[in-house]
Amino acid sequence: MSIKFWSFLHSRLVKCYNGPHERERGDFTMQRIAGYMRKAITEYHMIEPGDHVALGISGGKDSVAMLAGLCRLREYLDLPFELEAFTLD
């Protein structure tokens, strides 16, 4: 996965969450984030069937949004994969 892709995805996550009514738009915002993630995963072939994905999260809204988006995509994509989240002190 390229740095360019992750920079693109991070900029989209920040754009989605920095609106004036972020709490009121919760589900729509999460749907938008999941849509960006689905597009990137399928376009760049980032996850293959049977993959084990490890996601390092800091607890900030961008990493938690990525975790929530991947959890949602796991339900809807026809792409079985395992997801593990890690955090370090």
C-alpha atoms as a PDB file:
ATOM      1  CA  MET A   1       0.000   0.000   0.000  1.00  0.00           C
ATOM      2  CA  SER A   2       1.410   3.312  -0.990  1.00  0.00           C
ATOM      3  CA  ILE A   3       1.854   6.385   1.154  1.00  0.00           C
ATOM      4  CA  LYS A   4      -0.046   8.297  -1.537  1.00  0.00           C
ATOM      5  CA  PHE A   5      -3.135   6.137  -1.026  1.00  0.00           C
ATOM      6  CA  TRP A   6      -3.099   6.445   2.768  1.00  0.00           C
ATOM      7  CA  SER A   7      -2.669  10.221   2.462  1.00  0.00           C
ATOM      8  CA  PHE A   8      -5.680  10.291   0.122  1.00  0.00           C
ATOM      9  CA  LEU A   9      -7.786   8.205   2.497  1.00  0.00           C
ATOM     10  CA  HIS A  10      -6.745  10.252   5.542  1.00  0.00           C
ATOM     11  CA  SER A  11      -7.668  13.499   3.769  1.00  0.00           C
ATOM     12  CA  ARG A  12     -11.127  12.058   2.983  1.00  0.00           C
ATOM     13  CA  LEU A  13     -11.646  10.920   6.581  1.00  0.00           C
ATOM     14  CA  VAL A  14     -10.706  14.353   7.914  1.00  0.00           C
ATOM     15  CA  LYS A  15     -12.960  16.036   5.348  1.00  0.00           C
ATOM     16  CA  CYS A  16     -15.905  13.845   6.364  1.00  0.00           C
ATOM     17  CA  TYR A  17     -15.474  14.478  10.097  1.00  0.00           C
ATOM     18  CA  ASN A  18     -14.656  18.173  10.126  1.00  0.00           C
ATOM     19  CA  GLY A  19     -18.104  19.413   9.104  1.00  0.00           C
ATOM     20  CA  PRO A  20     -20.148  21.735  11.342  1.00  0.00           C
ATOM     21  CA  HIS A  21     -22.803  19.120  12.157  1.00  0.00           C
ATOM     22  CA  GLU A  22     -20.717  15.961  12.399  1.00  0.00           C
ATOM     23  CA  ARG A  23     -22.833  14.351  15.133  1.00  0.00           C
ATOM     24  CA  GLU A  24     -26.112  14.990  13.302  1.00  0.00           C
ATOM     25  CA  ARG A  25     -24.772  13.405  10.107  1.00  0.00           C
ATOM     26  CA  GLY A  26     -23.354  10.317  11.841  1.00  0.00           C
ATOM     27  CA  ASP A  27     -24.731   7.485   9.712  1.00  0.00           C
ATOM     28  CA  PHE A  28     -24.472   9.393   6.432  1.00  0.00           C
ATOM     29  CA  THR A  29     -20.867  10.296   7.232  1.00  0.00           C
ATOM     30  CA  MET A  30     -19.993   6.693   8.058  1.00  0.00           C
ATOM     31  CA  GLN A  31     -21.644   5.577   4.821  1.00  0.00           C
ATOM     32  CA  ARG A  32     -19.513   8.077   2.899  1.00  0.00           C
ATOM     33  CA  ILE A  33     -16.324   6.902   4.618  1.00  0.00           C
ATOM     34  CA  ALA A  34     -17.175   3.262   3.935  1.00  0.00           C
ATOM     35  CA  GLY A  35     -17.802   4.175   0.293  1.00  0.00           C
ATOM     36  CA  TYR A  36     -14.355   5.757  -0.056  1.00  0.00           C
ATOM     37  CA  MET A  37     -12.798   2.737   1.609  1.00  0.00           C
ATOM     38  CA  ARG A  38     -14.694   0.258  -0.588  1.00  0.00           C
ATOM     39  CA  LYS A  39     -13.609   2.092  -3.706  1.00  0.00           C
ATOM     40  CA  ALA A  40      -9.957   2.176  -2.649  1.00  0.00           C
ATOM     41  CA  ILE A  41      -9.899  -1.471  -1.521  1.00  0.00           C
ATOM     42  CA  THR A  42     -11.388  -2.722  -4.779  1.00  0.00           C
ATOM     43  CA  GLU A  43      -9.468  -0.329  -7.052  1.00  0.00           C
ATOM     44  CA  TYR A  44      -6.059  -0.993  -5.480  1.00  0.00           C
ATOM     45  CA  HIS A  45      -6.730  -4.686  -4.624  1.00  0.00           C
ATOM     46  CA  MET A  46      -5.697  -3.989  -1.045  1.00  0.00           C
ATOM     47  CA  ILE A  47      -7.516  -6.904   0.574  1.00  0.00           C
ATOM     48  CA  GLU A  48      -7.801 -10.380  -0.885  1.00  0.00           C
ATOM     49  CA  PRO A  49     -10.167 -13.155   0.281  1.00  0.00           C
ATOM     50  CA  GLY A  50      -8.854 -14.782   3.449  1.00  0.00           C
ATOM     51  CA  ASP A  51      -6.501 -11.916   4.364  1.00  0.00           C
ATOM     52  CA  HIS A  52      -5.805 -11.029   7.978  1.00  0.00           C
ATOM     53  CA  VAL A  53      -5.785  -7.234   8.351  1.00  0.00           C
ATOM     54  CA  ALA A  54      -4.054  -5.651  11.352  1.00  0.00           C
ATOM     55  CA  LEU A  55      -5.049  -2.056  12.012  1.00  0.00           C
ATOM     56  CA  GLY A  56      -3.065   0.093  14.414  1.00  0.00           C
ATOM     57  CA  ILE A  57      -5.332   2.645  16.046  1.00  0.00           C
ATOM     58  CA  SER A  58      -4.458   5.640  18.174  1.00  0.00           C
ATOM     59  CA  GLY A  59      -7.930   6.310  19.517  1.00  0.00           C
ATOM     60  CA  GLY A  60      -8.296   9.465  17.430  1.00  0.00           C
ATOM     61  CA  LYS A  61     -11.331   9.981  15.278  1.00  0.00           C
ATOM     62  CA  ASP A  62      -9.573   9.147  12.011  1.00  0.00           C
ATOM     63  CA  SER A  63      -8.235   5.752  13.122  1.00  0.00           C
ATOM     64  CA  VAL A  64     -11.489   4.845  14.886  1.00  0.00           C
ATOM     65  CA  ALA A  65     -13.417   5.832  11.743  1.00  0.00           C
ATOM     66  CA  MET A  66     -11.156   3.570   9.682  1.00  0.00           C
ATOM     67  CA  LEU A  67     -11.806   0.685  12.080  1.00  0.00           C
ATOM     68  CA  ALA A  68     -15.566   1.280  11.997  1.00  0.00           C
ATOM     69  CA  GLY A  69     -15.500   1.544   8.203  1.00  0.00           C
ATOM     70  CA  LEU A  70     -13.605  -1.728   7.822  1.00  0.00           C
ATOM     71  CA  CYS A  71     -16.015  -3.443  10.210  1.00  0.00           C
ATOM     72  CA  ARG A  72     -18.952  -2.195   8.162  1.00  0.00           C
ATOM     73  CA  LEU A  73     -17.320  -3.205   4.877  1.00  0.00           C
ATOM     74  CA  ARG A  74     -16.607  -6.689   6.177  1.00  0.00           C
ATOM     75  CA  GLU A  75     -20.370  -7.168   6.458  1.00  0.00           C
ATOM     76  CA  TYR A  76     -21.230  -5.857   2.986  1.00  0.00           C
ATOM     77  CA  LEU A  77     -18.301  -6.731   0.718  1.00  0.00           C
ATOM     78  CA  ASP A  78     -18.193 -10.133  -0.890  1.00  0.00           C
ATOM     79  CA  LEU A  79     -14.680 -10.408   0.451  1.00  0.00           C
ATOM     80  CA  PRO A  80     -14.121 -12.504   3.584  1.00  0.00           C
ATOM     81  CA  PHE A  81     -11.240 -11.189   5.700  1.00  0.00           C
ATOM     82  CA  GLU A  82     -10.218 -11.118   9.346  1.00  0.00           C
ATOM     83  CA  LEU A  83      -9.747  -7.785  11.115  1.00  0.00           C
ATOM     84  CA  GLU A  84      -7.660  -7.142  14.236  1.00  0.00           C
ATOM     85  CA  ALA A  85      -7.184  -3.747  15.895  1.00  0.00           C
ATOM     86  CA  PHE A  86      -4.100  -2.901  17.948  1.00  0.00           C
ATOM     87  CA  THR A  87      -3.068   0.027  20.088  1.00  0.00           C
ATOM     88  CA  LEU A  88       0.150   0.681  21.981  1.00  0.00           C
ATOM     89  CA  ASP A  89       0.798   2.759  25.082  1.00  0.00           C
END
